[in-house]
Protein backbone atom coordinates (compact mmCIF):
# COMPACT_ATOMS: atom_id res chain seq x y z
CA UNK A 1 68.60 21.01 160.59
CA UNK A 2 69.08 22.16 156.78
CA UNK A 3 66.62 25.33 157.05
CA UNK A 4 68.67 25.89 160.40
CA UNK A 5 72.49 25.97 158.22
CA UNK A 6 70.45 26.95 155.29
CA UNK A 7 69.49 30.47 157.36
CA UNK A 8 72.95 30.91 158.89
CA UNK A 9 74.97 30.20 155.73
CA UNK A 10 72.60 32.88 154.31
CA UNK A 11 73.06 35.33 156.54
CA UNK A 12 77.17 34.56 156.83
CA UNK A 13 77.32 35.32 153.15
CA UNK A 14 74.52 38.58 153.74
CA UNK A 15 77.53 39.98 156.16
CA UNK A 16 80.35 39.05 154.51
CA UNK A 17 78.83 40.66 151.23
CA UNK A 18 77.99 43.66 153.15
CA UNK A 19 81.48 44.42 154.22
CA UNK A 20 82.75 43.81 150.76
CA UNK A 21 81.02 45.61 149.14
CA UNK A 22 81.13 48.66 151.81
CA UNK A 23 84.91 48.28 151.20
CA UNK A 24 84.47 48.51 147.60
CA UNK A 25 82.23 51.62 147.91
CA UNK A 26 85.05 52.94 150.49
CA UNK A 27 87.91 52.46 148.35
CA UNK A 28 86.07 54.44 145.22
CA UNK A 29 85.31 57.56 147.49
CA UNK A 30 89.30 57.30 148.58
CA UNK A 31 90.49 57.11 144.90
CA UNK A 32 88.21 59.88 143.79
CA UNK A 33 88.60 62.22 146.92
CA UNK A 34 91.08 61.34 149.39
CA UNK A 35 90.15 64.51 152.32
CA UNK A 36 87.11 62.29 152.55
CA UNK A 37 89.14 59.82 155.05
CA UNK A 38 91.38 61.11 157.63
CA UNK A 39 94.29 58.44 157.80
CA UNK A 40 95.44 57.95 161.38
CA UNK A 41 93.51 59.92 164.35
CA UNK A 42 96.12 63.46 165.02
CA UNK A 43 96.90 63.73 161.22
CA UNK A 44 93.62 65.83 159.53
CA UNK A 45 94.46 66.35 156.17
CA UNK A 46 92.28 68.34 153.99
CA UNK A 47 95.43 70.06 152.23
CA UNK A 48 93.92 70.76 148.61
CA UNK A 49 91.03 72.45 148.80
CA UNK A 50 92.72 74.50 151.30
CA UNK A 51 95.76 75.32 149.26
CA UNK A 52 93.39 76.05 146.42
CA UNK A 53 90.89 77.81 147.91
CA UNK A 54 93.98 80.37 149.73
CA UNK A 55 95.72 80.79 146.54
CA UNK A 56 93.01 81.62 144.26
CA UNK A 57 90.63 83.34 146.93
CA UNK A 58 90.41 85.00 150.23
CA UNK A 59 90.19 81.81 152.22
CA UNK A 60 92.23 81.35 155.81
CA UNK A 61 96.01 79.37 156.12
CA UNK A 62 95.02 75.99 156.83
CA UNK A 63 96.29 74.46 159.92
CA UNK A 64 100.15 72.67 159.71
CA UNK A 65 99.68 69.23 157.23
CA UNK A 66 102.34 67.07 158.58
CA UNK A 67 101.95 63.49 157.80
CA UNK A 68 103.20 60.05 157.82
CA UNK A 69 105.37 59.47 154.34
CA UNK A 70 104.23 62.76 153.30
CA UNK A 71 106.62 65.18 155.34
CA UNK A 72 108.36 66.47 151.96
CA UNK A 73 105.17 67.47 150.31
CA UNK A 74 103.44 68.74 153.53
CA UNK A 75 106.67 71.21 153.49
CA UNK A 76 106.56 72.66 150.19
CA UNK A 77 102.81 72.74 150.55
CA UNK A 78 103.78 75.47 153.70
CA UNK A 79 106.41 77.01 151.34
CA UNK A 80 103.71 77.49 148.60
CA UNK A 81 101.34 79.42 151.08
CA UNK A 82 104.39 81.33 153.01
CA UNK A 83 105.16 82.59 149.83
CA UNK A 84 101.69 83.23 149.21
CA UNK A 85 101.19 85.11 152.26
CA UNK A 86 103.59 87.17 152.08
CA UNK A 87 102.87 88.07 148.25
CA UNK A 88 99.52 88.77 149.27
CA UNK A 89 100.40 91.24 152.24
CA UNK A 90 102.67 92.52 149.99
CA UNK A 91 100.12 93.19 147.47
CA UNK A 92 97.74 94.66 150.14
CA UNK A 93 100.37 96.88 151.33
CA UNK A 94 100.89 98.46 147.34
CA UNK A 95 97.38 98.87 147.12
CA UNK A 96 97.18 101.46 150.38
CA UNK A 97 100.31 103.13 148.84
CA UNK A 98 99.27 103.12 145.15
CA UNK A 99 95.49 105.07 147.11
CA UNK A 100 97.74 107.39 149.39
CA UNK A 101 99.59 108.57 146.36
CA UNK A 102 96.20 108.95 143.88
CA UNK A 103 94.62 110.82 146.59
CA UNK A 104 97.92 113.11 147.28
CA UNK A 105 98.27 113.36 143.53
CA UNK A 106 94.24 114.56 143.78
CA UNK A 107 95.55 116.72 145.97
CA UNK A 108 98.43 118.16 144.40
CA UNK A 109 96.10 118.57 140.73
CA UNK A 110 93.89 120.49 142.33
CA UNK A 111 96.49 123.24 143.53
CA UNK A 112 98.14 122.61 140.39
CA UNK A 113 94.72 123.79 138.34
CA UNK A 114 93.56 126.18 140.86
CA UNK A 115 97.55 128.15 140.93
CA UNK A 116 97.48 127.53 136.62
CA UNK A 117 93.90 128.87 136.65
CA UNK A 118 94.43 132.34 138.31
CA UNK A 119 98.16 133.12 136.37
CA UNK A 120 96.45 132.31 132.95
CA UNK A 121 93.71 135.15 133.94
CA UNK A 122 96.25 137.07 134.84
CA UNK A 123 98.12 136.85 131.69
CA UNK A 124 94.85 137.21 129.84
CA UNK A 125 93.71 140.48 131.87
CA UNK A 126 97.49 142.02 131.03
CA UNK A 127 97.58 141.15 127.59
CA UNK A 128 93.85 142.61 127.13
CA UNK A 129 93.26 145.02 129.69
CA UNK A 130 94.71 148.29 127.46
CA UNK A 131 92.62 147.00 123.97
CA UNK A 132 89.48 146.41 126.76
CA UNK A 133 90.22 150.15 128.46
CA UNK A 134 90.28 151.15 125.14
CA UNK A 135 86.93 150.11 123.91
CA UNK A 136 85.22 151.21 127.08
CA UNK A 137 86.18 154.62 126.47
CA UNK A 138 85.56 154.68 123.18
CA UNK A 139 81.62 153.56 123.53
CA UNK A 140 81.47 156.09 126.55
CA UNK A 141 82.20 159.06 124.15
CA UNK A 142 79.84 157.47 121.46
CA UNK A 143 77.72 157.61 124.11
CA UNK A 144 78.02 161.18 125.55
CA UNK A 145 77.91 162.12 122.08
CA UNK A 146 74.94 160.28 121.35
CA UNK A 147 73.30 162.42 123.77
CA UNK A 148 74.55 165.71 123.27
CA UNK A 149 73.45 165.27 119.61
CA UNK A 150 69.86 165.18 121.46
CA UNK A 151 69.96 168.58 122.73
CA UNK A 152 72.39 170.17 120.43
CA UNK A 153 70.66 170.74 117.15
CA UNK A 154 73.21 173.56 115.92
CA UNK A 155 75.98 171.25 115.90
CA UNK A 156 74.53 168.56 114.36
CA UNK A 157 76.89 167.80 111.30
CA UNK A 158 79.82 167.96 113.74
CA UNK A 159 78.67 165.70 116.15
CA UNK A 160 77.54 162.92 114.06
CA UNK A 161 81.02 163.65 111.76
CA UNK A 162 82.89 162.46 115.29
CA UNK A 163 80.13 160.10 116.19
CA UNK A 164 80.89 158.35 112.47
CA UNK A 165 85.11 158.93 113.20
CA UNK A 166 84.28 157.05 116.90
CA UNK A 167 82.42 154.58 115.83
CA UNK A 168 85.23 153.49 113.29
CA UNK A 169 87.73 153.69 116.00
CA UNK A 170 85.74 151.65 117.98
CA UNK A 171 84.98 149.03 115.07
CA UNK A 172 88.97 148.93 114.52
CA UNK A 173 89.78 148.45 118.22
CA UNK A 174 87.00 145.74 118.41
CA UNK A 175 88.85 143.94 115.39
CA UNK A 176 92.03 143.70 117.38
CA UNK A 177 90.47 142.90 121.05
CA UNK A 178 88.97 139.73 119.12
CA UNK A 179 92.21 139.43 117.16
CA UNK A 180 94.72 139.60 120.66
CA UNK A 181 91.71 137.23 122.26
CA UNK A 182 91.86 134.74 120.23
CA UNK A 183 96.34 135.18 119.96
CA UNK A 184 95.98 134.76 123.79
CA UNK A 185 93.80 131.57 123.68
CA UNK A 186 96.60 130.05 120.81
CA UNK A 187 99.07 130.70 123.22
CA UNK A 188 97.44 129.67 126.60
CA UNK A 189 97.00 126.18 124.69
CA UNK A 190 100.13 125.63 123.26
CA UNK A 191 101.49 126.67 126.39
CA UNK A 192 99.78 126.00 128.93
CA UNK A 193 102.21 123.54 131.45
CA UNK A 194 104.15 126.80 131.56
CA UNK A 195 101.41 129.00 133.67
CA UNK A 196 102.13 125.85 136.49
CA UNK A 197 104.47 126.67 138.80
CA UNK A 198 107.10 124.66 138.77
CA UNK A 199 107.95 123.30 141.60
CA UNK A 200 104.13 122.54 141.73
CA UNK A 201 104.17 120.50 138.18
CA UNK A 202 107.65 118.80 139.34
CA UNK A 203 105.77 117.66 142.50
CA UNK A 204 102.82 116.27 140.59
CA UNK A 205 104.66 114.63 138.23
CA UNK A 206 107.09 112.34 140.56
CA UNK A 207 103.49 111.60 142.24
CA UNK A 208 102.97 110.36 139.13
CA UNK A 209 105.55 108.53 138.74
CA UNK A 210 105.44 107.00 142.25
CA UNK A 211 101.94 105.92 140.76
CA UNK A 212 103.43 104.06 137.60
CA UNK A 213 106.04 102.58 139.58
CA UNK A 214 103.26 101.29 142.45
CA UNK A 215 101.57 99.77 139.83
CA UNK A 216 104.17 97.77 137.91
CA UNK A 217 104.90 96.22 141.47
CA UNK A 218 101.20 95.24 141.72
CA UNK A 219 101.31 93.60 138.18
CA UNK A 220 104.55 91.95 139.03
CA UNK A 221 103.00 90.45 142.51
CA UNK A 222 99.69 89.01 140.63
CA UNK A 223 102.02 87.51 137.89
CA UNK A 224 103.98 85.87 141.08
CA UNK A 225 100.38 84.82 142.53
CA UNK A 226 99.63 83.30 139.42
CA UNK A 227 103.07 81.05 139.24
CA UNK A 228 102.11 79.89 142.57
CA UNK A 229 99.16 78.91 141.67
CA UNK A 230 100.21 76.98 139.43
CA UNK A 231 103.09 75.49 141.21
CA UNK A 232 100.14 74.58 143.70
CA UNK A 233 98.03 72.76 140.85
CA UNK A 234 101.33 70.66 140.67
CA UNK A 235 101.37 70.03 144.23
CA UNK A 236 97.65 69.42 144.87
CA UNK A 237 98.37 66.15 142.35
CA UNK A 238 101.35 65.11 143.44
CA UNK A 239 99.17 65.32 147.07
CA UNK A 240 96.43 63.44 146.00
CA UNK A 241 98.14 60.62 144.06
CA UNK A 242 100.51 60.26 147.37
CA UNK A 243 97.34 59.98 149.66
CA UNK A 244 95.70 57.77 147.16
CA UNK A 245 98.83 55.01 147.37
CA UNK A 246 98.82 55.34 150.83
CA UNK A 247 95.78 53.13 151.22
CA UNK A 248 94.24 50.06 148.71
CA UNK A 249 91.51 47.84 148.23
CA UNK A 250 92.91 45.57 151.26
CA UNK A 251 92.82 48.64 154.17
CA UNK A 252 89.07 49.46 152.83
CA UNK A 253 88.45 45.52 153.50
CA UNK A 254 90.01 45.85 156.92
CA UNK A 255 88.11 49.09 157.69
CA UNK A 256 85.19 47.61 156.48
CA UNK A 257 84.89 44.84 158.80
CA UNK A 258 85.84 46.92 161.59
CA UNK A 259 82.59 48.93 160.98
CA UNK A 260 80.71 45.53 160.77
CA UNK A 261 81.73 44.29 163.90
CA UNK A 262 81.85 47.72 165.94
CA UNK A 263 85.81 46.67 166.50
CA UNK A 264 87.30 49.99 164.62
CA UNK A 265 90.69 51.24 166.40
CA UNK A 266 90.65 54.97 164.73
CA UNK A 267 93.24 54.85 162.51
CA UNK A 268 90.92 55.60 159.58
CA UNK A 269 87.82 57.86 159.61
CA UNK A 270 85.44 59.26 157.84
CA UNK A 271 86.10 62.86 156.97
CA UNK A 272 82.88 63.89 154.59
CA UNK A 273 79.26 63.05 155.33
CA UNK A 274 78.48 60.85 152.14
CA UNK A 275 80.93 58.21 154.01
CA UNK A 276 79.59 58.90 157.50
CA UNK A 277 76.32 58.33 155.16
CA UNK A 278 77.58 54.64 154.32
CA UNK A 279 79.19 53.85 157.53
CA UNK A 280 75.88 54.08 159.85
CA UNK A 281 74.14 52.32 156.90
CA UNK A 282 76.81 49.36 157.04
CA UNK A 283 76.48 49.90 160.89
CA UNK A 284 72.41 49.21 160.87
CA UNK A 285 73.18 46.32 158.27
CA UNK A 286 74.82 44.31 160.28
CA UNK A 287 73.24 44.72 163.71
CA UNK A 288 70.27 43.31 161.68
CA UNK A 289 72.32 40.29 160.56
CA UNK A 290 74.09 39.67 163.64
CA UNK A 291 70.12 39.92 165.77
CA UNK A 292 69.33 37.71 162.43
CA UNK A 293 72.23 34.92 163.48
CA UNK A 294 71.61 35.30 167.06
CA UNK A 295 68.35 34.73 166.42
CA UNK A 296 68.72 31.39 164.20
CA UNK A 297 71.10 30.55 166.81
CA UNK A 298 68.01 31.10 169.88
CA UNK A 299 65.68 28.91 167.81
CA UNK A 300 68.07 25.87 167.55
């Protein structure tokens, strides 16, 4: 009789101890990460990770986050997410506009450079053309006289004198041509913009101004997103405290006894593989203890 009572007592203590220990573990998990449990079967929380992922990365919008006693926080969260979604759409639109403007600016720049180079070439040809033509004429005359000098020995001295005069003129012409080339190049460098068509330059400058404005809009959108992230972190902290305050150790003792007796009502549901594993182990231990208890009764 004494051994029988002792066995029943030990089994009962083990049964209740398992329930109490499990309740402490559940309460600790809830305090550490409230999303590990769902409170009330129809409410699927997960707001914390979803809000942070959406605002920091490219996560999808979480489902509506209404819950009993947390309507105000859920409303704030939805407002933050709607603003973040709007800012993200705005940022995408600005990026698309910037890409289009950059393509337009490149096309305008290519046309501007082509026209400007052609006008510079025309200007250079017009400024250097007479001197280059004079140089070519002198070169040709010197060449002809040198050929004549090889065959006409009668007028050798006169031809040599004429060649010397022409070579002197050629040297002076080359010097003037070199000086003029420098002057033309200096004028082109100092007045580069003047060689572009005014209408083309105006259009390109207007496009660059639009790009600068769009970049400023993008920076402003990024700044607003940063402000939203700060508000989200504050909301997350408030949401966590609100969730943690909803359940206490007594609630998890109730949940643990429900698990132990397999009579849970679904008002508190594990929502993570960790708590689910602990619940499974608790169920197995409870079944073993109940079996031992029943076996002790049968032996009696």
